[in-house]
Amino acid sequence: MNLVEHHPLILEFPEFREKIHALKMSDKHFSNLFESYEEVDKAIVRIENGIEPNTDDYLEDQKKARLHLKDQLYAMLNGINVKHH
């Protein structure tokens, strides 16, 4: 069985390593989105690796949430104005 690995944001966007760190320290909204991304990503990994059983629908919802968070974080890294929800 191949284990699914965690997708840390720094590995997803290595070109933004320094900016990710700076925004985590200076921007509360970015920091909150970052933490949410990490939590959702780790939950997906646990489900896909069979550590935490769940439904396929829930897994798909989590993947959509991760993608939405990733899109918001990427926009902020690129200096695009993101609406705070």
PDB file of N, CA and C in Angstrom:
ATOM      1  N   MET A   1       0.842  -1.193   0.000  1.00  0.00           N
ATOM      2  CA  MET A   1       0.000   0.000   0.000  1.00  0.00           C
ATOM      3  C   MET A   1       0.880   1.247   0.000  1.00  0.00           C
ATOM      4  N   ASN A   2       0.650   2.149  -0.934  1.00  0.00           N
ATOM      5  CA  ASN A   2       1.382   3.406  -0.980  1.00  0.00           C
ATOM      6  C   ASN A   2       0.719   4.416  -0.067  1.00  0.00           C
ATOM      7  N   LEU A   3       1.525   4.994   0.795  1.00  0.00           N
ATOM      8  CA  LEU A   3       0.989   5.990   1.703  1.00  0.00           C
ATOM      9  C   LEU A   3       0.931   7.347   1.016  1.00  0.00           C
ATOM     10  N   VAL A   4      -0.141   8.074   1.291  1.00  0.00           N
ATOM     11  CA  VAL A   4      -0.306   9.429   0.780  1.00  0.00           C
ATOM     12  C   VAL A   4       0.456  10.355   1.723  1.00  0.00           C
ATOM     13  N   GLU A   5       1.181  11.292   1.137  1.00  0.00           N
ATOM     14  CA  GLU A   5       1.984  12.199   1.954  1.00  0.00           C
ATOM     15  C   GLU A   5       1.314  13.554   2.108  1.00  0.00           C
ATOM     16  N   HIS A   6       1.674  14.204   3.188  1.00  0.00           N
ATOM     17  CA  HIS A   6       1.227  15.550   3.521  1.00  0.00           C
ATOM     18  C   HIS A   6       1.732  16.516   2.445  1.00  0.00           C
ATOM     19  N   HIS A   7       0.957  17.538   2.123  1.00  0.00           N
ATOM     20  CA  HIS A   7       1.315  18.537   1.119  1.00  0.00           C
ATOM     21  C   HIS A   7       1.553  19.894   1.781  1.00  0.00           C
ATOM     22  N   PRO A   8       2.657  20.052   2.498  1.00  0.00           N
ATOM     23  CA  PRO A   8       2.896  21.348   3.141  1.00  0.00           C
ATOM     24  C   PRO A   8       2.928  22.476   2.112  1.00  0.00           C
ATOM     25  N   LEU A   9       2.411  23.616   2.492  1.00  0.00           N
ATOM     26  CA  LEU A   9       2.328  24.751   1.585  1.00  0.00           C
ATOM     27  C   LEU A   9       3.708  25.151   1.061  1.00  0.00           C
ATOM     28  N   ILE A  10       4.718  25.027   1.882  1.00  0.00           N
ATOM     29  CA  ILE A  10       6.074  25.400   1.462  1.00  0.00           C
ATOM     30  C   ILE A  10       6.563  24.487   0.335  1.00  0.00           C
ATOM     31  N   LEU A  11       6.143  23.235   0.327  1.00  0.00           N
ATOM     32  CA  LEU A  11       6.511  22.341  -0.773  1.00  0.00           C
ATOM     33  C   LEU A  11       5.645  22.587  -2.005  1.00  0.00           C
ATOM     34  N   GLU A  12       4.412  23.035  -1.794  1.00  0.00           N
ATOM     35  CA  GLU A  12       3.526  23.353  -2.908  1.00  0.00           C
ATOM     36  C   GLU A  12       4.002  24.620  -3.630  1.00  0.00           C
ATOM     37  N   PHE A  13       4.519  25.577  -2.867  1.00  0.00           N
ATOM     38  CA  PHE A  13       4.977  26.859  -3.413  1.00  0.00           C
ATOM     39  C   PHE A  13       6.383  27.182  -2.898  1.00  0.00           C
ATOM     40  N   PRO A  14       7.389  26.409  -3.298  1.00  0.00           N
ATOM     41  CA  PRO A  14       8.746  26.628  -2.767  1.00  0.00           C
ATOM     42  C   PRO A  14       9.301  28.017  -3.095  1.00  0.00           C
ATOM     43  N   GLU A  15       8.838  28.610  -4.191  1.00  0.00           N
ATOM     44  CA  GLU A  15       9.316  29.934  -4.577  1.00  0.00           C
ATOM     45  C   GLU A  15       8.855  31.020  -3.606  1.00  0.00           C
ATOM     46  N   PHE A  16       7.865  30.699  -2.767  1.00  0.00           N
ATOM     47  CA  PHE A  16       7.335  31.661  -1.796  1.00  0.00           C
ATOM     48  C   PHE A  16       7.737  31.332  -0.354  1.00  0.00           C
ATOM     49  N   ARG A  17       8.735  30.478  -0.170  1.00  0.00           N
ATOM     50  CA  ARG A  17       9.128  30.039   1.182  1.00  0.00           C
ATOM     51  C   ARG A  17       9.289  31.221   2.141  1.00  0.00           C
ATOM     52  N   GLU A  18      10.071  32.207   1.761  1.00  0.00           N
ATOM     53  CA  GLU A  18      10.328  33.344   2.653  1.00  0.00           C
ATOM     54  C   GLU A  18       9.077  34.198   2.857  1.00  0.00           C
ATOM     55  N   LYS A  19       8.307  34.377   1.794  1.00  0.00           N
ATOM     56  CA  LYS A  19       7.091  35.193   1.900  1.00  0.00           C
ATOM     57  C   LYS A  19       6.053  34.493   2.776  1.00  0.00           C
ATOM     58  N   ILE A  20       5.959  33.169   2.674  1.00  0.00           N
ATOM     59  CA  ILE A  20       5.032  32.412   3.534  1.00  0.00           C
ATOM     60  C   ILE A  20       5.377  32.657   4.992  1.00  0.00           C
ATOM     61  N   HIS A  21       6.650  32.538   5.311  1.00  0.00           N
ATOM     62  CA  HIS A  21       7.077  32.755   6.701  1.00  0.00           C
ATOM     63  C   HIS A  21       6.767  34.185   7.152  1.00  0.00           C
ATOM     64  N   ALA A  22       7.081  35.154   6.298  1.00  0.00           N
ATOM     65  CA  ALA A  22       6.849  36.558   6.660  1.00  0.00           C
ATOM     66  C   ALA A  22       5.364  36.834   6.863  1.00  0.00           C
ATOM     67  N   LEU A  23       4.520  36.336   5.972  1.00  0.00           N
ATOM     68  CA  LEU A  23       3.079  36.576   6.112  1.00  0.00           C
ATOM     69  C   LEU A  23       2.495  35.847   7.323  1.00  0.00           C
ATOM     70  N   LYS A  24       3.007  34.660   7.629  1.00  0.00           N
ATOM     71  CA  LYS A  24       2.527  33.955   8.828  1.00  0.00           C
ATOM     72  C   LYS A  24       2.791  34.788  10.071  1.00  0.00           C
ATOM     73  N   MET A  25       3.890  35.533  10.060  1.00  0.00           N
ATOM     74  CA  MET A  25       4.260  36.322  11.237  1.00  0.00           C
ATOM     75  C   MET A  25       3.559  37.684  11.269  1.00  0.00           C
ATOM     76  N   SER A  26       3.195  38.234  10.084  1.00  0.00           N
ATOM     77  CA  SER A  26       2.711  39.613  10.047  1.00  0.00           C
ATOM     78  C   SER A  26       1.228  39.769   9.692  1.00  0.00           C
ATOM     79  N   ASP A  27       0.612  38.734   9.138  1.00  0.00           N
ATOM     80  CA  ASP A  27      -0.766  38.852   8.658  1.00  0.00           C
ATOM     81  C   ASP A  27      -1.635  37.785   9.317  1.00  0.00           C
ATOM     82  N   LYS A  28      -2.487  38.215  10.220  1.00  0.00           N
ATOM     83  CA  LYS A  28      -3.322  37.280  10.990  1.00  0.00           C
ATOM     84  C   LYS A  28      -4.236  36.457  10.081  1.00  0.00           C
ATOM     85  N   HIS A  29      -4.817  37.092   9.066  1.00  0.00           N
ATOM     86  CA  HIS A  29      -5.716  36.380   8.154  1.00  0.00           C
ATOM     87  C   HIS A  29      -4.940  35.293   7.401  1.00  0.00           C
ATOM     88  N   PHE A  30      -3.771  35.645   6.894  1.00  0.00           N
ATOM     89  CA  PHE A  30      -2.944  34.653   6.198  1.00  0.00           C
ATOM     90  C   PHE A  30      -2.595  33.515   7.155  1.00  0.00           C
ATOM     91  N   SER A  31      -2.198  33.857   8.353  1.00  0.00           N
ATOM     92  CA  SER A  31      -1.825  32.852   9.345  1.00  0.00           C
ATOM     93  C   SER A  31      -2.985  31.897   9.639  1.00  0.00           C
ATOM     94  N   ASN A  32      -4.194  32.450   9.774  1.00  0.00           N
ATOM     95  CA  ASN A  32      -5.379  31.615  10.021  1.00  0.00           C
ATOM     96  C   ASN A  32      -5.668  30.697   8.836  1.00  0.00           C
ATOM     97  N   LEU A  33      -5.582  31.235   7.612  1.00  0.00           N
ATOM     98  CA  LEU A  33      -5.789  30.409   6.421  1.00  0.00           C
ATOM     99  C   LEU A  33      -4.731  29.317   6.329  1.00  0.00           C
ATOM    100  N   PHE A  34      -3.500  29.675   6.640  1.00  0.00           N
ATOM    101  CA  PHE A  34      -2.395  28.719   6.605  1.00  0.00           C
ATOM    102  C   PHE A  34      -2.648  27.566   7.574  1.00  0.00           C
ATOM    103  N   GLU A  35      -3.045  27.901   8.796  1.00  0.00           N
ATOM    104  CA  GLU A  35      -3.327  26.867   9.800  1.00  0.00           C
ATOM    105  C   GLU A  35      -4.489  25.987   9.362  1.00  0.00           C
ATOM    106  N   SER A  36      -5.521  26.584   8.792  1.00  0.00           N
ATOM    107  CA  SER A  36      -6.662  25.807   8.297  1.00  0.00           C
ATOM    108  C   SER A  36      -6.227  24.876   7.172  1.00  0.00           C
ATOM    109  N   TYR A  37      -5.403  25.368   6.261  1.00  0.00           N
ATOM    110  CA  TYR A  37      -4.898  24.542   5.166  1.00  0.00           C
ATOM    111  C   TYR A  37      -4.147  23.333   5.725  1.00  0.00           C
ATOM    112  N   GLU A  38      -3.260  23.576   6.677  1.00  0.00           N
ATOM    113  CA  GLU A  38      -2.469  22.490   7.262  1.00  0.00           C
ATOM    114  C   GLU A  38      -3.366  21.449   7.940  1.00  0.00           C
ATOM    115  N   GLU A  39      -4.373  21.911   8.684  1.00  0.00           N
ATOM    116  CA  GLU A  39      -5.287  20.999   9.377  1.00  0.00           C
ATOM    117  C   GLU A  39      -6.084  20.150   8.384  1.00  0.00           C
ATOM    118  N   VAL A  40      -6.617  20.782   7.345  1.00  0.00           N
ATOM    119  CA  VAL A  40      -7.407  20.058   6.342  1.00  0.00           C
ATOM    120  C   VAL A  40      -6.517  19.071   5.589  1.00  0.00           C
ATOM    121  N   ASP A  41      -5.319  19.511   5.220  1.00  0.00           N
ATOM    122  CA  ASP A  41      -4.410  18.635   4.493  1.00  0.00           C
ATOM    123  C   ASP A  41      -4.049  17.404   5.320  1.00  0.00           C
ATOM    124  N   LYS A  42      -3.751  17.604   6.573  1.00  0.00           N
ATOM    125  CA  LYS A  42      -3.396  16.469   7.447  1.00  0.00           C
ATOM    126  C   LYS A  42      -4.589  15.529   7.632  1.00  0.00           C
ATOM    127  N   ALA A  43      -5.800  16.076   7.714  1.00  0.00           N
ATOM    128  CA  ALA A  43      -7.001  15.237   7.828  1.00  0.00           C
ATOM    129  C   ALA A  43      -7.176  14.390   6.567  1.00  0.00           C
ATOM    130  N   ILE A  44      -6.939  14.980   5.404  1.00  0.00           N
ATOM    131  CA  ILE A  44      -7.043  14.247   4.145  1.00  0.00           C
ATOM    132  C   ILE A  44      -6.035  13.104   4.118  1.00  0.00           C
ATOM    133  N   VAL A  45      -4.828  13.369   4.533  1.00  0.00           N
ATOM    134  CA  VAL A  45      -3.785  12.342   4.546  1.00  0.00           C
ATOM    135  C   VAL A  45      -4.187  11.194   5.478  1.00  0.00           C
ATOM    136  N   ARG A  46      -4.725  11.526   6.651  1.00  0.00           N
ATOM    137  CA  ARG A  46      -5.152  10.471   7.595  1.00  0.00           C
ATOM    138  C   ARG A  46      -6.258   9.613   6.987  1.00  0.00           C
ATOM    139  N   ILE A  47      -7.204  10.242   6.294  1.00  0.00           N
ATOM    140  CA  ILE A  47      -8.310   9.500   5.674  1.00  0.00           C
ATOM    141  C   ILE A  47      -7.783   8.632   4.533  1.00  0.00           C
ATOM    142  N   GLU A  48      -6.972   9.220   3.654  1.00  0.00           N
ATOM    143  CA  GLU A  48      -6.479   8.478   2.496  1.00  0.00           C
ATOM    144  C   GLU A  48      -5.540   7.336   2.885  1.00  0.00           C
ATOM    145  N   ASN A  49      -4.882   7.462   4.025  1.00  0.00           N
ATOM    146  CA  ASN A  49      -3.991   6.400   4.490  1.00  0.00           C
ATOM    147  C   ASN A  49      -4.712   5.377   5.369  1.00  0.00           C
ATOM    148  N   GLY A  50      -6.029   5.533   5.517  1.00  0.00           N
ATOM    149  CA  GLY A  50      -6.814   4.572   6.278  1.00  0.00           C
ATOM    150  C   GLY A  50      -6.678   4.691   7.783  1.00  0.00           C
ATOM    151  N   ILE A  51      -6.079   5.783   8.242  1.00  0.00           N
ATOM    152  CA  ILE A  51      -5.897   5.989   9.686  1.00  0.00           C
ATOM    153  C   ILE A  51      -7.190   6.473  10.318  1.00  0.00           C
ATOM    154  N   GLU A  52      -7.917   7.278   9.569  1.00  0.00           N
ATOM    155  CA  GLU A  52      -9.159   7.878  10.050  1.00  0.00           C
ATOM    156  C   GLU A  52     -10.267   7.570   9.042  1.00  0.00           C
ATOM    157  N   PRO A  53     -11.118   6.606   9.348  1.00  0.00           N
ATOM    158  CA  PRO A  53     -12.170   6.245   8.389  1.00  0.00           C
ATOM    159  C   PRO A  53     -13.185   7.365   8.216  1.00  0.00           C
ATOM    160  N   ASN A  54     -13.672   7.499   6.978  1.00  0.00           N
ATOM    161  CA  ASN A  54     -14.691   8.484   6.697  1.00  0.00           C
ATOM    162  C   ASN A  54     -15.335   8.167   5.361  1.00  0.00           C
ATOM    163  N   THR A  55     -16.323   8.953   4.983  1.00  0.00           N
ATOM    164  CA  THR A  55     -17.034   8.698   3.728  1.00  0.00           C
ATOM    165  C   THR A  55     -16.310   9.363   2.559  1.00  0.00           C
ATOM    166  N   ASP A  56     -16.579   8.860   1.369  1.00  0.00           N
ATOM    167  CA  ASP A  56     -15.997   9.454   0.164  1.00  0.00           C
ATOM    168  C   ASP A  56     -16.479  10.894  -0.018  1.00  0.00           C
ATOM    169  N   ASP A  57     -17.740  11.150   0.309  1.00  0.00           N
ATOM    170  CA  ASP A  57     -18.277  12.508   0.188  1.00  0.00           C
ATOM    171  C   ASP A  57     -17.534  13.476   1.104  1.00  0.00           C
ATOM    172  N   TYR A  58     -17.279  13.044   2.330  1.00  0.00           N
ATOM    173  CA  TYR A  58     -16.556  13.889   3.279  1.00  0.00           C
ATOM    174  C   TYR A  58     -15.145  14.158   2.762  1.00  0.00           C
ATOM    175  N   LEU A  59     -14.488  13.117   2.252  1.00  0.00           N
ATOM    176  CA  LEU A  59     -13.137  13.273   1.715  1.00  0.00           C
ATOM    177  C   LEU A  59     -13.137  14.270   0.553  1.00  0.00           C
ATOM    178  N   GLU A  60     -14.098  14.161  -0.338  1.00  0.00           N
ATOM    179  CA  GLU A  60     -14.182  15.096  -1.461  1.00  0.00           C
ATOM    180  C   GLU A  60     -14.417  16.526  -0.980  1.00  0.00           C
ATOM    181  N   ASP A  61     -15.268  16.688   0.041  1.00  0.00           N
ATOM    182  CA  ASP A  61     -15.504  18.016   0.614  1.00  0.00           C
ATOM    183  C   ASP A  61     -14.211  18.587   1.201  1.00  0.00           C
ATOM    184  N   GLN A  62     -13.438  17.739   1.868  1.00  0.00           N
ATOM    185  CA  GLN A  62     -12.167  18.176   2.455  1.00  0.00           C
ATOM    186  C   GLN A  62     -11.181  18.578   1.361  1.00  0.00           C
ATOM    187  N   LYS A  63     -11.156  17.822   0.278  1.00  0.00           N
ATOM    188  CA  LYS A  63     -10.256  18.152  -0.829  1.00  0.00           C
ATOM    189  C   LYS A  63     -10.645  19.482  -1.465  1.00  0.00           C
ATOM    190  N   LYS A  64     -11.946  19.732  -1.591  1.00  0.00           N
ATOM    191  CA  LYS A  64     -12.413  21.013  -2.134  1.00  0.00           C
ATOM    192  C   LYS A  64     -12.038  22.159  -1.193  1.00  0.00           C
ATOM    193  N   ALA A  65     -12.178  21.920   0.107  1.00  0.00           N
ATOM    194  CA  ALA A  65     -11.818  22.938   1.095  1.00  0.00           C
ATOM    195  C   ALA A  65     -10.321  23.238   1.018  1.00  0.00           C
ATOM    196  N   ARG A  66      -9.505  22.182   0.878  1.00  0.00           N
ATOM    197  CA  ARG A  66      -8.050  22.378   0.785  1.00  0.00           C
ATOM    198  C   ARG A  66      -7.719  23.208  -0.464  1.00  0.00           C
ATOM    199  N   LEU A  67      -8.353  22.891  -1.577  1.00  0.00           N
ATOM    200  CA  LEU A  67      -8.101  23.619  -2.818  1.00  0.00           C
ATOM    201  C   LEU A  67      -8.507  25.087  -2.689  1.00  0.00           C
ATOM    202  N   HIS A  68      -9.654  25.332  -2.067  1.00  0.00           N
ATOM    203  CA  HIS A  68     -10.116  26.705  -1.870  1.00  0.00           C
ATOM    204  C   HIS A  68      -9.129  27.483  -0.993  1.00  0.00           C
ATOM    205  N   LEU A  69      -8.669  26.866   0.091  1.00  0.00           N
ATOM    206  CA  LEU A  69      -7.699  27.519   0.971  1.00  0.00           C
ATOM    207  C   LEU A  69      -6.393  27.779   0.228  1.00  0.00           C
ATOM    208  N   LYS A  70      -5.952  26.796  -0.540  1.00  0.00           N
ATOM    209  CA  LYS A  70      -4.715  26.936  -1.301  1.00  0.00           C
ATOM    210  C   LYS A  70      -4.828  28.088  -2.302  1.00  0.00           C
ATOM    211  N   ASP A  71      -5.977  28.199  -2.963  1.00  0.00           N
ATOM    212  CA  ASP A  71      -6.197  29.294  -3.912  1.00  0.00           C
ATOM    213  C   ASP A  71      -6.129  30.652  -3.210  1.00  0.00           C
ATOM    214  N   GLN A  72      -6.746  30.746  -2.041  1.00  0.00           N
ATOM    215  CA  GLN A  72      -6.725  32.009  -1.291  1.00  0.00           C
ATOM    216  C   GLN A  72      -5.311  32.368  -0.859  1.00  0.00           C
ATOM    217  N   LEU A  73      -4.583  31.370  -0.361  1.00  0.00           N
ATOM    218  CA  LEU A  73      -3.209  31.601   0.082  1.00  0.00           C
ATOM    219  C   LEU A  73      -2.321  32.009  -1.091  1.00  0.00           C
ATOM    220  N   TYR A  74      -2.491  31.343  -2.226  1.00  0.00           N
ATOM    221  CA  TYR A  74      -1.703  31.670  -3.414  1.00  0.00           C
ATOM    222  C   TYR A  74      -1.987  33.106  -3.860  1.00  0.00           C
ATOM    223  N   ALA A  75      -3.251  33.494  -3.833  1.00  0.00           N
ATOM    224  CA  ALA A  75      -3.615  34.858  -4.201  1.00  0.00           C
ATOM    225  C   ALA A  75      -2.937  35.863  -3.271  1.00  0.00           C
ATOM    226  N   MET A  76      -2.936  35.581  -1.994  1.00  0.00           N
ATOM    227  CA  MET A  76      -2.300  36.489  -1.039  1.00  0.00           C
ATOM    228  C   MET A  76      -0.788  36.537  -1.263  1.00  0.00           C
ATOM    229  N   LEU A  77      -0.189  35.414  -1.574  1.00  0.00           N
ATOM    230  CA  LEU A  77       1.244  35.369  -1.845  1.00  0.00           C
ATOM    231  C   LEU A  77       1.601  36.201  -3.078  1.00  0.00           C
ATOM    232  N   ASN A  78       0.666  36.304  -3.999  1.00  0.00           N
ATOM    233  CA  ASN A  78       0.875  37.074  -5.217  1.00  0.00           C
ATOM    234  C   ASN A  78       0.395  38.527  -5.081  1.00  0.00           C
ATOM    235  N   GLY A  79      -0.052  38.893  -3.894  1.00  0.00           N
ATOM    236  CA  GLY A  79      -0.466  40.272  -3.652  1.00  0.00           C
ATOM    237  C   GLY A  79      -1.830  40.615  -4.196  1.00  0.00           C
ATOM    238  N   ILE A  80      -2.635  39.580  -4.473  1.00  0.00           N
ATOM    239  CA  ILE A  80      -3.994  39.802  -4.972  1.00  0.00           C
ATOM    240  C   ILE A  80      -4.910  39.983  -3.780  1.00  0.00           C
ATOM    241  N   ASN A  81      -5.768  40.997  -3.820  1.00  0.00           N
ATOM    242  CA  ASN A  81      -6.686  41.264  -2.709  1.00  0.00           C
ATOM    243  C   ASN A  81      -7.677  40.118  -2.559  1.00  0.00           C
ATOM    244  N   VAL A  82      -7.745  39.557  -1.349  1.00  0.00           N
ATOM    245  CA  VAL A  82      -8.649  38.454  -1.056  1.00  0.00           C
ATOM    246  C   VAL A  82      -9.664  38.933  -0.041  1.00  0.00           C
ATOM    247  N   LYS A  83     -10.950  38.682  -0.317  1.00  0.00           N
ATOM    248  CA  LYS A  83     -11.989  39.063   0.632  1.00  0.00           C
ATOM    249  C   LYS A  83     -11.914  38.180   1.857  1.00  0.00           C
ATOM    250  N   HIS A  84     -11.993  38.801   3.031  1.00  0.00           N
ATOM    251  CA  HIS A  84     -12.024  38.058   4.293  1.00  0.00           C
ATOM    252  C   HIS A  84     -13.435  37.597   4.540  1.00  0.00           C
ATOM    253  N   HIS A  85     -13.605  36.286   4.789  1.00  0.00           N
ATOM    254  CA  HIS A  85     -14.951  35.732   5.034  1.00  0.00           C
ATOM    255  C   HIS A  85     -15.158  35.560   6.514  1.00  0.00           C
TER     256      HIS A  85
END
